[in-house]
N, C-alpha and C. Protein backbone atom coordinates (compact mmCIF):
# COMPACT_ATOMS: atom_id res chain seq x y z
N MET A 1 27.56 50.49 -39.33
CA MET A 1 26.42 49.55 -39.24
C MET A 1 25.29 50.47 -39.33
N SER A 2 24.19 49.99 -40.03
CA SER A 2 23.13 50.79 -40.32
C SER A 2 22.31 50.70 -39.14
N ASP A 3 21.25 51.59 -38.94
CA ASP A 3 20.23 51.59 -37.93
C ASP A 3 19.39 50.36 -37.85
N PHE A 4 18.94 50.00 -36.71
CA PHE A 4 17.98 48.94 -36.48
C PHE A 4 16.68 49.64 -36.33
N TYR A 5 15.77 49.20 -37.07
CA TYR A 5 14.31 49.81 -36.89
C TYR A 5 13.38 48.76 -36.33
N ALA A 6 12.47 48.98 -35.48
CA ALA A 6 11.18 48.06 -35.18
C ALA A 6 10.23 49.06 -34.99
N GLY A 7 8.84 48.60 -35.53
CA GLY A 7 7.70 49.35 -35.47
C GLY A 7 6.35 48.72 -35.49
N LEU A 8 5.37 49.40 -35.50
CA LEU A 8 3.95 48.94 -35.64
C LEU A 8 3.10 49.72 -36.56
N ILE A 9 2.43 49.11 -37.47
CA ILE A 9 1.78 49.78 -38.41
C ILE A 9 0.13 49.58 -38.16
N HIS A 10 -0.82 50.26 -38.31
CA HIS A 10 -2.19 50.00 -38.01
C HIS A 10 -2.91 50.09 -39.58
N TYR A 11 -3.69 49.15 -39.83
CA TYR A 11 -4.59 49.04 -40.91
C TYR A 11 -6.05 49.58 -40.48
N SER A 12 -6.46 50.53 -41.39
CA SER A 12 -7.83 51.27 -40.80
C SER A 12 -8.72 51.14 -42.03
N GLY A 13 -10.04 51.01 -41.71
CA GLY A 13 -11.10 51.32 -42.69
C GLY A 13 -12.17 52.07 -42.10
N PRO A 14 -13.34 52.08 -42.84
CA PRO A 14 -14.38 52.93 -42.43
C PRO A 14 -14.91 52.85 -41.01
N GLU A 15 -14.67 51.58 -40.40
CA GLU A 15 -15.18 51.27 -39.08
C GLU A 15 -13.88 51.39 -37.89
N GLY A 16 -12.74 51.90 -38.49
CA GLY A 16 -11.65 51.89 -37.45
C GLY A 16 -10.57 50.83 -37.88
N VAL A 17 -9.77 50.66 -36.83
CA VAL A 17 -8.49 49.80 -37.06
C VAL A 17 -9.12 48.37 -37.22
N ASN A 18 -8.53 47.67 -38.40
CA ASN A 18 -9.12 46.33 -38.73
C ASN A 18 -7.76 45.40 -38.97
N GLY A 19 -6.56 45.88 -38.60
CA GLY A 19 -5.49 44.94 -38.72
C GLY A 19 -4.15 45.83 -38.25
N ARG A 20 -3.12 45.00 -38.13
CA ARG A 20 -1.88 45.62 -37.62
C ARG A 20 -0.66 44.80 -38.25
N GLU A 21 0.63 45.50 -38.28
CA GLU A 21 1.79 44.82 -38.77
C GLU A 21 2.86 45.21 -37.78
N TRP A 22 3.46 44.16 -37.15
CA TRP A 22 4.68 44.47 -36.52
C TRP A 22 5.87 44.05 -37.57
N PHE A 23 6.83 44.88 -37.27
CA PHE A 23 8.10 44.71 -38.36
C PHE A 23 9.37 45.09 -37.61
N GLU A 24 10.55 44.56 -38.15
CA GLU A 24 11.91 44.69 -37.71
C GLU A 24 12.71 44.76 -38.97
N MET A 25 13.60 45.70 -39.00
CA MET A 25 14.71 45.88 -39.99
C MET A 25 15.98 45.72 -39.34
N VAL A 26 16.66 44.59 -39.53
CA VAL A 26 17.88 44.10 -38.95
C VAL A 26 18.93 44.32 -39.77
N PRO A 27 19.94 45.18 -39.49
CA PRO A 27 21.05 45.40 -40.37
C PRO A 27 22.12 44.17 -40.30
N HIS A 28 22.90 43.99 -41.40
CA HIS A 28 24.05 42.97 -41.22
C HIS A 28 24.90 43.27 -42.22
N PRO A 29 26.32 42.99 -42.35
CA PRO A 29 27.20 43.29 -43.27
C PRO A 29 26.60 43.03 -44.64
N GLY A 30 26.61 44.08 -45.58
CA GLY A 30 26.20 43.88 -46.81
C GLY A 30 24.65 43.81 -47.21
N GLY A 31 23.75 44.22 -46.20
CA GLY A 31 22.39 44.19 -46.53
C GLY A 31 21.59 44.32 -45.24
N ARG A 32 20.44 43.76 -45.12
CA ARG A 32 19.72 43.60 -43.86
C ARG A 32 18.65 42.40 -43.98
N THR A 33 18.14 42.16 -42.95
CA THR A 33 17.00 41.24 -42.83
C THR A 33 15.59 42.07 -42.49
N LEU A 34 14.49 41.77 -43.23
CA LEU A 34 13.28 42.36 -43.02
C LEU A 34 12.31 41.38 -42.39
N ARG A 35 11.70 41.55 -41.22
CA ARG A 35 10.61 40.68 -40.73
C ARG A 35 9.39 41.38 -40.35
N ALA A 36 8.18 40.78 -40.70
CA ALA A 36 7.09 41.23 -40.45
C ALA A 36 5.99 40.33 -40.14
N PHE A 37 5.05 40.62 -39.25
CA PHE A 37 4.00 39.82 -38.94
C PHE A 37 2.77 40.67 -39.08
N CYS A 38 1.77 40.17 -39.86
CA CYS A 38 0.58 40.92 -40.08
C CYS A 38 -0.62 40.23 -39.64
N GLU A 39 -1.67 41.02 -39.29
CA GLU A 39 -3.03 40.46 -39.02
C GLU A 39 -3.95 41.37 -39.80
N MET A 40 -5.08 40.60 -40.42
CA MET A 40 -6.03 41.30 -40.95
C MET A 40 -7.29 40.78 -40.46
N ASP A 41 -8.03 41.47 -39.62
CA ASP A 41 -9.14 40.93 -38.87
C ASP A 41 -10.39 40.69 -39.52
N SER A 42 -10.63 41.41 -40.63
CA SER A 42 -11.87 41.33 -41.38
C SER A 42 -11.86 39.95 -42.19
N ILE A 43 -10.66 39.47 -42.52
CA ILE A 43 -10.73 38.13 -43.21
C ILE A 43 -10.14 37.12 -42.49
N GLY A 44 -9.74 37.40 -41.29
CA GLY A 44 -9.22 36.24 -40.26
C GLY A 44 -7.90 35.64 -40.88
N LEU A 45 -6.89 36.65 -41.26
CA LEU A 45 -5.73 36.30 -41.90
C LEU A 45 -4.47 36.70 -41.20
N SER A 46 -3.40 35.87 -41.03
CA SER A 46 -2.24 36.34 -40.52
C SER A 46 -1.06 36.02 -41.39
N ARG A 47 -0.15 36.78 -41.66
CA ARG A 47 1.01 36.70 -42.61
C ARG A 47 2.24 36.86 -41.91
N ASP A 48 3.23 35.91 -42.02
CA ASP A 48 4.61 35.98 -41.32
C ASP A 48 5.63 36.01 -42.57
N VAL A 49 6.31 36.98 -42.52
CA VAL A 49 7.28 37.08 -43.71
C VAL A 49 8.61 37.42 -43.07
N THR A 50 9.46 36.81 -43.77
CA THR A 50 11.17 37.20 -43.62
C THR A 50 11.87 37.35 -44.92
N MET A 51 12.42 38.47 -45.15
CA MET A 51 13.18 38.65 -46.30
C MET A 51 14.55 38.96 -46.08
N ALA A 52 15.46 38.53 -46.89
CA ALA A 52 16.92 38.91 -46.82
C ALA A 52 17.15 40.00 -48.13
N LEU A 53 17.87 41.07 -47.70
CA LEU A 53 18.10 42.00 -48.88
C LEU A 53 19.45 42.35 -49.00
N ASP A 54 19.97 42.75 -50.16
CA ASP A 54 21.38 42.97 -50.22
C ASP A 54 21.60 44.50 -49.97
N GLY A 55 22.78 45.05 -50.26
CA GLY A 55 23.09 46.38 -49.95
C GLY A 55 22.22 47.47 -50.67
N GLN A 56 21.60 47.03 -51.73
CA GLN A 56 20.77 47.79 -52.59
C GLN A 56 19.45 47.72 -52.22
N SER A 57 18.97 47.03 -51.06
CA SER A 57 17.59 46.66 -50.85
C SER A 57 17.15 45.76 -51.98
N ARG A 58 17.65 44.93 -52.65
CA ARG A 58 17.11 44.00 -53.66
C ARG A 58 17.04 42.62 -52.89
N PRO A 59 15.94 42.07 -53.14
CA PRO A 59 15.69 40.65 -52.67
C PRO A 59 16.83 39.54 -52.80
N VAL A 60 17.16 38.89 -51.77
CA VAL A 60 18.02 37.67 -51.84
C VAL A 60 17.33 36.52 -51.76
N ASP A 61 16.26 36.45 -50.75
CA ASP A 61 15.44 35.30 -50.41
C ASP A 61 14.25 36.01 -49.79
N GLY A 62 13.15 35.17 -49.60
CA GLY A 62 12.14 35.42 -48.84
C GLY A 62 11.25 34.15 -48.41
N PHE A 63 10.53 34.33 -47.39
CA PHE A 63 9.71 33.24 -47.06
C PHE A 63 8.34 33.92 -46.37
N VAL A 64 7.26 33.24 -46.77
CA VAL A 64 5.96 33.81 -46.15
C VAL A 64 4.95 32.60 -45.98
N ARG A 65 4.32 32.69 -44.78
CA ARG A 65 3.31 31.92 -44.44
C ARG A 65 2.05 32.64 -44.19
N ILE A 66 1.08 32.00 -44.79
CA ILE A 66 -0.49 32.52 -44.64
C ILE A 66 -1.27 31.62 -43.84
N ILE A 67 -1.72 32.25 -42.71
CA ILE A 67 -2.68 31.39 -41.98
C ILE A 67 -4.19 32.05 -42.09
N GLN A 68 -5.11 31.43 -42.34
CA GLN A 68 -6.51 32.00 -42.49
C GLN A 68 -7.40 31.10 -42.05
N GLY A 69 -8.58 31.65 -41.21
CA GLY A 69 -9.43 30.61 -40.53
C GLY A 69 -8.91 29.63 -39.82
N GLY A 70 -7.80 29.81 -39.05
CA GLY A 70 -6.89 28.90 -38.01
C GLY A 70 -6.18 27.83 -38.74
N ALA A 71 -6.02 27.88 -40.05
CA ALA A 71 -5.26 26.77 -40.74
C ALA A 71 -4.43 27.47 -41.65
N VAL A 72 -3.20 26.64 -41.91
CA VAL A 72 -2.13 27.21 -42.98
C VAL A 72 -2.76 27.22 -44.27
N ARG A 73 -2.74 28.30 -45.02
CA ARG A 73 -3.22 28.29 -46.36
C ARG A 73 -2.15 28.20 -47.31
N GLY A 74 -1.01 28.58 -46.87
CA GLY A 74 0.18 28.29 -47.80
C GLY A 74 1.48 28.72 -47.27
N SER A 75 2.56 27.96 -47.32
CA SER A 75 3.89 28.42 -47.00
C SER A 75 4.85 28.16 -48.20
N THR A 76 5.71 29.32 -48.47
CA THR A 76 6.39 29.33 -49.63
C THR A 76 7.66 30.03 -49.31
N LEU A 77 8.87 29.50 -50.01
CA LEU A 77 10.16 30.08 -49.93
C LEU A 77 10.71 30.41 -51.37
N PHE A 78 11.19 31.72 -51.44
CA PHE A 78 11.59 32.28 -52.57
C PHE A 78 13.17 32.47 -52.52
N LEU A 79 13.82 31.86 -53.59
CA LEU A 79 15.25 32.04 -53.57
C LEU A 79 15.64 32.87 -55.02
N ALA A 80 16.13 34.13 -54.93
CA ALA A 80 16.50 34.97 -56.02
C ALA A 80 17.98 34.83 -56.53
N GLY A 81 18.18 34.44 -57.71
CA GLY A 81 19.46 34.43 -58.23
C GLY A 81 19.66 35.53 -59.41
N GLU A 82 20.75 35.53 -60.09
CA GLU A 82 20.92 36.54 -61.09
C GLU A 82 20.02 36.24 -62.22
N THR A 83 19.60 35.09 -62.61
CA THR A 83 18.92 34.74 -63.82
C THR A 83 17.63 34.22 -63.55
N ALA A 84 17.34 33.80 -62.59
CA ALA A 84 16.13 33.15 -62.26
C ALA A 84 15.57 33.21 -60.68
N ILE A 85 14.35 33.11 -60.36
CA ILE A 85 14.00 32.83 -59.00
C ILE A 85 13.23 31.47 -58.73
N ASP A 86 13.49 30.80 -57.61
CA ASP A 86 12.89 29.52 -57.47
C ASP A 86 11.96 29.73 -56.45
N CYS A 87 10.86 28.87 -56.50
CA CYS A 87 9.90 28.99 -55.41
C CYS A 87 9.47 27.62 -55.03
N GLU A 88 9.50 27.24 -53.66
CA GLU A 88 9.35 26.08 -53.10
C GLU A 88 8.20 26.14 -51.98
N GLY A 89 7.29 25.42 -52.02
CA GLY A 89 6.35 25.39 -51.02
C GLY A 89 5.17 24.45 -50.89
N VAL A 90 4.18 24.72 -50.17
CA VAL A 90 2.98 23.97 -50.04
C VAL A 90 1.72 24.97 -49.90
N THR A 91 0.87 24.78 -50.85
CA THR A 91 -0.52 25.54 -50.54
C THR A 91 -1.73 24.66 -50.63
N ARG A 92 -2.68 25.28 -49.70
CA ARG A 92 -3.99 24.51 -49.80
C ARG A 92 -4.52 24.01 -51.06
N GLU A 93 -4.51 24.89 -51.96
CA GLU A 93 -5.13 24.45 -53.22
C GLU A 93 -4.28 23.67 -54.15
N LEU A 94 -2.97 23.63 -54.14
CA LEU A 94 -2.28 22.96 -55.21
C LEU A 94 -1.27 21.86 -54.47
N GLY A 95 -1.20 22.02 -53.13
CA GLY A 95 -0.29 20.88 -52.55
C GLY A 95 1.13 21.23 -52.59
N ARG A 96 1.98 20.42 -52.75
CA ARG A 96 3.50 20.66 -52.86
C ARG A 96 3.59 21.52 -54.37
N VAL A 97 4.40 22.50 -54.32
CA VAL A 97 4.65 23.35 -55.53
C VAL A 97 6.25 23.66 -55.50
N SER A 98 6.75 23.53 -56.75
CA SER A 98 8.00 23.88 -57.14
C SER A 98 8.15 24.48 -58.50
N GLN A 99 8.66 25.77 -58.39
CA GLN A 99 8.66 26.69 -59.62
C GLN A 99 10.12 27.19 -59.96
N ARG A 100 10.30 27.37 -61.05
CA ARG A 100 11.46 28.29 -61.32
C ARG A 100 11.06 29.31 -62.66
N LYS A 101 11.15 30.54 -62.24
CA LYS A 101 10.91 31.60 -63.22
C LYS A 101 12.20 32.18 -63.61
N VAL A 102 12.37 32.28 -64.97
CA VAL A 102 13.65 32.86 -65.51
C VAL A 102 13.44 34.41 -65.49
N LEU A 103 14.33 35.07 -65.18
CA LEU A 103 14.44 36.52 -65.30
C LEU A 103 15.13 37.20 -66.20
N PRO A 104 14.65 38.27 -66.82
CA PRO A 104 15.46 38.90 -67.77
C PRO A 104 16.58 39.84 -67.16
N GLU A 105 16.51 40.13 -65.85
CA GLU A 105 17.49 40.93 -65.26
C GLU A 105 17.37 40.45 -63.72
N PRO A 106 18.33 40.88 -62.94
CA PRO A 106 18.26 40.53 -61.51
C PRO A 106 17.11 41.10 -61.00
N LEU A 107 16.55 40.35 -60.17
CA LEU A 107 15.12 40.74 -59.43
C LEU A 107 15.28 42.10 -58.58
N GLN A 108 14.55 42.98 -59.06
CA GLN A 108 14.33 44.42 -58.38
C GLN A 108 13.40 44.28 -57.08
N TYR A 109 12.42 43.49 -57.15
CA TYR A 109 11.26 43.59 -56.07
C TYR A 109 10.71 42.38 -55.95
N LEU A 110 10.45 41.91 -54.59
CA LEU A 110 9.74 40.71 -54.16
C LEU A 110 8.69 41.12 -53.29
N GLY A 111 7.38 41.06 -53.89
CA GLY A 111 6.15 41.49 -53.15
C GLY A 111 5.46 40.39 -52.40
N LEU A 112 5.70 40.29 -51.09
CA LEU A 112 5.07 39.33 -50.20
C LEU A 112 4.13 39.86 -49.27
N HIS A 113 3.67 41.12 -49.53
CA HIS A 113 2.57 41.82 -49.15
C HIS A 113 2.60 42.35 -47.65
N PRO A 114 3.58 42.44 -47.01
CA PRO A 114 3.69 43.23 -45.80
C PRO A 114 4.05 44.83 -46.28
N LEU A 115 3.38 45.60 -45.64
CA LEU A 115 3.58 47.14 -46.20
C LEU A 115 4.94 47.42 -46.13
N VAL A 116 5.75 46.90 -45.07
CA VAL A 116 7.13 47.51 -44.98
C VAL A 116 8.00 46.83 -46.35
N GLY A 117 7.42 45.68 -46.83
CA GLY A 117 8.10 45.13 -47.93
C GLY A 117 7.66 45.83 -49.22
N ASP A 118 6.32 46.35 -49.17
CA ASP A 118 5.80 47.00 -50.46
C ASP A 118 6.57 48.37 -50.60
N ALA A 119 6.85 48.95 -49.48
CA ALA A 119 7.60 50.30 -49.54
C ALA A 119 8.84 50.20 -50.21
N LEU A 120 9.56 48.99 -50.24
CA LEU A 120 10.93 48.90 -50.99
C LEU A 120 10.88 49.20 -52.43
N VAL A 121 9.71 49.29 -53.08
CA VAL A 121 9.64 49.26 -54.56
C VAL A 121 9.88 50.88 -54.84
N THR A 122 10.00 51.65 -53.83
CA THR A 122 10.14 53.02 -54.08
C THR A 122 11.67 53.28 -54.35
N ILE A 123 12.43 52.40 -53.74
CA ILE A 123 14.01 52.46 -53.85
C ILE A 123 14.40 52.10 -55.15
N SER A 124 13.73 51.11 -55.79
CA SER A 124 13.89 51.04 -57.32
C SER A 124 13.61 51.98 -58.23
N ARG A 125 12.37 52.72 -57.84
CA ARG A 125 11.99 53.93 -58.80
C ARG A 125 13.02 54.92 -58.71
N GLY A 126 13.36 55.28 -57.33
CA GLY A 126 14.26 56.64 -57.33
C GLY A 126 13.38 57.84 -57.28
N THR A 127 14.22 58.95 -57.20
CA THR A 127 13.36 60.30 -57.19
C THR A 127 13.71 61.16 -58.35
N ASP A 128 14.18 60.78 -59.39
CA ASP A 128 14.31 61.65 -60.40
C ASP A 128 12.99 61.65 -61.35
N ARG A 129 12.85 62.62 -62.21
CA ARG A 129 11.94 62.85 -62.92
C ARG A 129 10.37 62.90 -62.28
N PRO A 130 10.23 63.71 -61.37
CA PRO A 130 8.96 63.73 -60.50
C PRO A 130 7.79 63.70 -61.35
N GLY A 131 6.66 62.92 -60.86
CA GLY A 131 5.41 62.86 -61.59
C GLY A 131 5.57 61.85 -62.73
N GLU A 132 6.66 61.23 -63.03
CA GLU A 132 6.57 60.36 -64.16
C GLU A 132 6.62 58.77 -63.65
N PHE A 133 5.52 58.16 -64.18
CA PHE A 133 5.42 56.76 -63.66
C PHE A 133 6.49 55.88 -64.42
N ARG A 134 7.08 54.99 -63.55
CA ARG A 134 8.04 54.06 -64.24
C ARG A 134 7.78 52.92 -63.86
N THR A 135 7.90 51.79 -64.64
CA THR A 135 7.32 50.33 -64.38
C THR A 135 8.46 49.55 -63.62
N ILE A 136 8.22 49.16 -62.47
CA ILE A 136 9.13 48.15 -61.81
C ILE A 136 8.82 46.75 -62.01
N HIS A 137 9.75 45.97 -62.53
CA HIS A 137 9.25 44.54 -62.79
C HIS A 137 9.71 43.73 -61.66
N GLY A 138 8.82 42.79 -61.14
CA GLY A 138 9.23 42.15 -59.95
C GLY A 138 8.36 40.74 -59.94
N ILE A 139 8.48 40.10 -58.69
CA ILE A 139 7.73 38.90 -58.34
C ILE A 139 6.96 39.09 -57.11
N THR A 140 5.67 38.65 -57.26
CA THR A 140 4.74 38.61 -56.17
C THR A 140 4.34 37.16 -55.73
N ASN A 141 3.95 36.95 -54.52
CA ASN A 141 3.35 35.75 -54.21
C ASN A 141 1.76 35.52 -54.59
N SER A 142 1.14 36.79 -54.72
CA SER A 142 -0.30 36.84 -54.96
C SER A 142 -0.64 38.07 -55.59
N ALA A 143 -1.75 38.02 -56.51
CA ALA A 143 -2.17 39.25 -57.16
C ALA A 143 -3.32 39.69 -56.64
N SER A 144 -3.84 39.15 -55.67
CA SER A 144 -4.99 39.69 -54.97
C SER A 144 -4.83 40.90 -54.01
N PRO A 145 -5.62 41.86 -53.85
CA PRO A 145 -5.22 43.01 -52.97
C PRO A 145 -4.81 42.56 -51.49
N ASN A 146 -5.53 41.51 -51.12
CA ASN A 146 -5.28 40.98 -49.70
C ASN A 146 -4.06 40.12 -49.51
N GLY A 147 -3.57 39.68 -50.70
CA GLY A 147 -2.42 38.76 -50.70
C GLY A 147 -2.73 37.26 -50.23
N GLU A 148 -3.94 36.82 -50.32
CA GLU A 148 -4.24 35.46 -49.84
C GLU A 148 -4.43 34.47 -51.00
N LEU A 149 -4.49 34.92 -52.19
CA LEU A 149 -4.63 34.00 -53.33
C LEU A 149 -3.33 33.72 -54.02
N GLY A 150 -3.32 32.53 -54.92
CA GLY A 150 -2.14 32.19 -55.50
C GLY A 150 -1.25 31.63 -54.84
N LEU A 151 -0.34 32.54 -54.05
CA LEU A 151 0.65 32.01 -53.27
C LEU A 151 1.83 31.30 -53.98
N LEU A 152 2.11 31.64 -55.19
CA LEU A 152 3.16 31.23 -56.17
C LEU A 152 4.09 32.21 -56.55
N ALA A 153 5.05 32.07 -57.42
CA ALA A 153 5.89 33.17 -58.01
C ALA A 153 5.16 33.49 -59.13
N ILE A 154 4.66 34.86 -59.10
CA ILE A 154 3.69 35.50 -60.01
C ILE A 154 4.52 36.73 -60.58
N PRO A 155 4.85 36.87 -61.77
CA PRO A 155 5.37 38.23 -62.28
C PRO A 155 4.45 39.26 -62.05
N THR A 156 4.97 40.45 -61.59
CA THR A 156 4.24 41.61 -61.54
C THR A 156 4.90 42.92 -62.05
N ASP A 157 4.20 43.76 -62.59
CA ASP A 157 4.64 45.07 -62.94
C ASP A 157 4.02 46.07 -62.20
N ILE A 158 4.63 47.01 -61.39
CA ILE A 158 4.07 48.16 -60.75
C ILE A 158 4.54 49.38 -61.25
N ASP A 159 3.52 50.23 -61.53
CA ASP A 159 3.99 51.51 -62.05
C ASP A 159 4.04 52.54 -60.95
N VAL A 160 5.22 53.25 -60.54
CA VAL A 160 5.67 54.00 -59.62
C VAL A 160 5.85 55.38 -60.03
N ALA A 161 5.44 56.30 -59.34
CA ALA A 161 5.83 57.76 -59.58
C ALA A 161 6.22 58.37 -58.38
N TYR A 162 7.20 59.27 -58.49
CA TYR A 162 7.75 60.02 -57.23
C TYR A 162 7.14 61.28 -57.30
N LEU A 163 6.58 61.77 -56.21
CA LEU A 163 5.73 62.96 -56.35
C LEU A 163 6.25 64.04 -55.52
N GLY A 164 7.34 63.78 -54.67
CA GLY A 164 8.03 64.87 -54.01
C GLY A 164 8.31 64.70 -52.58
N ALA A 165 9.09 65.63 -52.08
CA ALA A 165 9.27 65.72 -50.67
C ALA A 165 8.07 66.45 -49.92
N GLU A 166 7.78 65.70 -48.64
CA GLU A 166 6.76 66.38 -47.80
C GLU A 166 7.13 66.02 -46.41
N THR A 167 6.73 66.95 -45.42
CA THR A 167 6.83 66.67 -44.11
C THR A 167 5.45 66.39 -43.61
N ILE A 168 5.49 65.04 -43.02
CA ILE A 168 4.02 64.57 -42.70
C ILE A 168 4.01 64.08 -41.07
N GLU A 169 2.93 64.22 -40.62
CA GLU A 169 2.82 63.70 -39.22
C GLU A 169 1.98 62.37 -39.22
N VAL A 170 2.58 61.25 -38.33
CA VAL A 170 1.44 60.20 -38.35
C VAL A 170 1.74 59.92 -36.74
N PRO A 171 1.08 58.85 -36.25
CA PRO A 171 0.97 58.74 -34.80
C PRO A 171 2.40 58.55 -34.24
N ALA A 172 3.46 57.97 -35.07
CA ALA A 172 4.61 57.78 -34.67
C ALA A 172 5.53 58.94 -34.48
N GLY A 173 5.18 59.96 -35.09
CA GLY A 173 5.96 61.33 -35.09
C GLY A 173 5.83 62.03 -36.30
N ARG A 174 6.81 63.04 -36.49
CA ARG A 174 6.70 63.92 -37.57
C ARG A 174 8.05 63.64 -38.48
N PHE A 175 7.92 63.51 -39.74
CA PHE A 175 9.00 62.83 -40.57
C PHE A 175 9.15 63.68 -41.82
N ASP A 176 10.39 63.91 -42.29
CA ASP A 176 10.54 64.48 -43.67
C ASP A 176 10.59 63.14 -44.48
N ALA A 177 9.44 63.20 -45.34
CA ALA A 177 9.03 62.08 -46.13
C ALA A 177 9.28 62.33 -47.56
N GLN A 178 9.16 61.16 -48.45
CA GLN A 178 9.26 61.19 -49.79
C GLN A 178 7.91 60.59 -50.03
N ARG A 179 7.07 61.18 -51.04
CA ARG A 179 5.90 60.66 -51.44
C ARG A 179 5.82 60.03 -52.87
N PHE A 180 5.20 58.92 -52.99
CA PHE A 180 5.12 58.05 -54.30
C PHE A 180 3.63 57.90 -54.56
N ALA A 181 3.37 57.57 -55.75
CA ALA A 181 2.11 56.94 -56.23
C ALA A 181 2.55 55.56 -56.74
N LEU A 182 1.62 54.53 -56.30
CA LEU A 182 1.74 53.20 -56.81
C LEU A 182 0.45 52.70 -57.58
N ARG A 183 0.66 52.02 -58.75
CA ARG A 183 -0.38 51.59 -59.36
C ARG A 183 0.01 50.09 -59.80
N TRP A 184 -0.85 49.24 -59.10
CA TRP A 184 -0.57 47.78 -59.22
C TRP A 184 -1.16 47.20 -60.61
N ARG A 185 -2.20 47.64 -61.04
CA ARG A 185 -2.74 47.28 -62.27
C ARG A 185 -3.30 48.56 -62.95
N PRO A 186 -3.24 48.55 -64.39
CA PRO A 186 -3.67 49.82 -65.12
C PRO A 186 -5.22 50.35 -64.81
N GLU A 187 -5.91 49.24 -64.48
CA GLU A 187 -7.53 49.51 -64.25
C GLU A 187 -7.63 50.00 -62.78
N TRP A 188 -6.60 50.01 -61.95
CA TRP A 188 -6.96 50.05 -60.41
C TRP A 188 -6.43 51.64 -60.23
N PRO A 189 -6.98 52.32 -59.24
CA PRO A 189 -6.56 53.77 -58.89
C PRO A 189 -5.28 53.52 -58.36
N ALA A 190 -4.44 54.63 -58.45
CA ALA A 190 -3.17 54.64 -57.65
C ALA A 190 -3.32 54.94 -56.19
N ALA A 191 -2.46 54.25 -55.41
CA ALA A 191 -2.35 54.42 -54.10
C ALA A 191 -1.19 55.40 -53.83
N ASP A 192 -1.34 56.28 -52.72
CA ASP A 192 -0.46 57.25 -52.27
C ASP A 192 0.35 56.62 -51.18
N LEU A 193 1.74 56.72 -51.27
CA LEU A 193 2.47 55.96 -50.13
C LEU A 193 3.70 57.04 -49.81
N TRP A 194 3.85 57.26 -48.52
CA TRP A 194 4.86 58.10 -47.96
C TRP A 194 6.00 57.12 -47.32
N VAL A 195 7.19 57.25 -47.48
CA VAL A 195 8.44 56.64 -46.92
C VAL A 195 9.36 57.47 -46.26
N TYR A 196 10.32 56.92 -45.54
CA TYR A 196 11.15 57.79 -44.80
C TYR A 196 12.71 57.15 -44.86
N GLY A 197 13.56 58.15 -45.46
CA GLY A 197 14.96 57.90 -45.29
C GLY A 197 15.37 56.88 -46.44
N PRO A 198 16.70 56.67 -46.38
CA PRO A 198 17.30 55.80 -47.53
C PRO A 198 16.76 54.31 -47.64
N LEU A 199 16.25 53.82 -46.46
CA LEU A 199 16.00 52.55 -46.44
C LEU A 199 14.42 52.52 -46.66
N ALA A 200 13.74 53.52 -46.87
CA ALA A 200 12.27 53.55 -47.35
C ALA A 200 11.48 52.89 -46.18
N VAL A 201 11.63 53.46 -44.93
CA VAL A 201 10.74 53.06 -43.86
C VAL A 201 9.38 53.44 -44.10
N PHE A 202 8.34 52.66 -44.05
CA PHE A 202 6.97 52.71 -44.25
C PHE A 202 6.47 53.80 -43.26
N LEU A 203 5.73 54.80 -43.88
CA LEU A 203 5.02 55.81 -42.95
C LEU A 203 3.49 55.93 -43.14
N ARG A 204 2.92 55.88 -44.30
CA ARG A 204 1.48 55.96 -44.54
C ARG A 204 1.19 55.40 -46.03
N LEU A 205 0.14 54.91 -46.06
CA LEU A 205 -0.47 54.46 -47.46
C LEU A 205 -2.03 54.78 -47.38
N THR A 206 -2.44 55.24 -48.45
CA THR A 206 -3.95 55.52 -48.63
C THR A 206 -4.26 54.97 -50.04
N TRP A 207 -5.49 54.24 -49.98
CA TRP A 207 -5.79 53.55 -51.30
C TRP A 207 -7.28 53.62 -51.45
N SER A 208 -7.91 54.38 -52.32
CA SER A 208 -9.19 54.74 -52.43
C SER A 208 -10.03 53.39 -52.86
N MET A 209 -9.29 52.43 -53.60
CA MET A 209 -9.92 51.32 -54.09
C MET A 209 -10.56 50.33 -53.12
N ILE A 210 -9.89 50.42 -51.92
CA ILE A 210 -10.42 49.55 -50.72
C ILE A 210 -10.79 50.36 -49.56
N ASP A 211 -10.94 51.66 -49.80
CA ASP A 211 -11.28 52.66 -48.75
C ASP A 211 -10.31 52.45 -47.41
N ALA A 212 -9.08 52.37 -47.66
CA ALA A 212 -8.21 51.94 -46.61
C ALA A 212 -7.14 52.94 -46.24
N ARG A 213 -6.66 52.91 -45.00
CA ARG A 213 -5.59 53.88 -44.56
C ARG A 213 -4.63 53.14 -43.71
N TYR A 214 -3.46 53.22 -43.82
CA TYR A 214 -2.52 52.52 -43.21
C TYR A 214 -1.37 53.58 -42.70
N GLU A 215 -1.00 53.43 -41.30
CA GLU A 215 -0.12 54.37 -40.76
C GLU A 215 0.72 53.82 -39.74
N LEU A 216 2.00 54.49 -39.71
CA LEU A 216 3.01 53.97 -38.66
C LEU A 216 2.54 54.60 -37.42
N ILE A 217 2.39 53.59 -36.36
CA ILE A 217 1.99 53.97 -35.12
C ILE A 217 3.05 54.16 -33.97
N GLN A 218 4.20 53.28 -34.17
CA GLN A 218 5.30 53.30 -33.26
C GLN A 218 6.41 52.88 -34.18
N LEU A 219 7.67 53.46 -33.70
CA LEU A 219 8.78 53.36 -34.28
C LEU A 219 10.15 53.42 -33.33
N ARG A 220 10.77 52.42 -33.28
CA ARG A 220 11.95 52.39 -32.63
C ARG A 220 13.35 52.41 -33.39
N ARG A 221 14.25 53.33 -33.10
CA ARG A 221 15.44 53.27 -34.01
C ARG A 221 16.59 53.23 -33.14
N THR A 222 17.49 52.28 -33.28
CA THR A 222 18.75 52.26 -32.39
C THR A 222 20.01 51.82 -33.35
N ARG A 223 21.06 52.19 -32.84
CA ARG A 223 22.32 51.81 -33.50
C ARG A 223 22.86 50.35 -33.11
C-alpha cells in the first residue's frame, strides 16, 4: 500500500498570504484518490475538487465545484475513457451542460486547478532530457489563471521542462525535490515548480506573471 499524504499549501502575493489549499492523497489498490479544497481570498472564490487516478497517476474521473461571492458558479463532473472524456454539469453562464470530447490518446492530464493536481503534469513529462520542453496534452475546466471562467472540458497543451534535482526548504520541511518549468501559453512566462517523490507531491510554485508564490506549509505522511 502506498503512503497517505495530507497537507496545507499557502498562496501568497505582495501583501502576504491570500489563499490556502488543504489536500489529501488517499491510496487504494490500482491508484489513489486526490482531494483538495482551495480558498482564494482576493476574488472570494472556493474550489472543491476530487479526482480518481490510476496506478500511473492518469485521471479516471474528476469533480469540481466553484463557489464565488457566496453562490455556486459551476459544478462539473469529468469521466475519462480510452477515446473520449465526458463532462456533465451546471454553470452560472450556460446552465445545464453536457459535452463529449474525443481524445487522440488516453488522457494524460486533467487540470481542475488545485496545485496538487497541477503538479501531476510532471509525472507525464518525466525526467529525461533536462531543459527540453515537452508538450503535455490534456483537458482543463478553465483556461483562466484563477480557474473561475469557462468551467467546461477545454483542451489544453502545457509545455513542461525538467530542470533537475534540488534540495529545498519550505515551511513543511526539507525535501529532495525535482524542479520543473511549466508554460501554459506560449505568450506567458514559465512558472517554476518543485515536487517531491514518485507521486509528485507539491512543494513550491513561483510565477512572475501574477507575482505569486505558493508553498507547502504542512505535510502529514502515514502508511
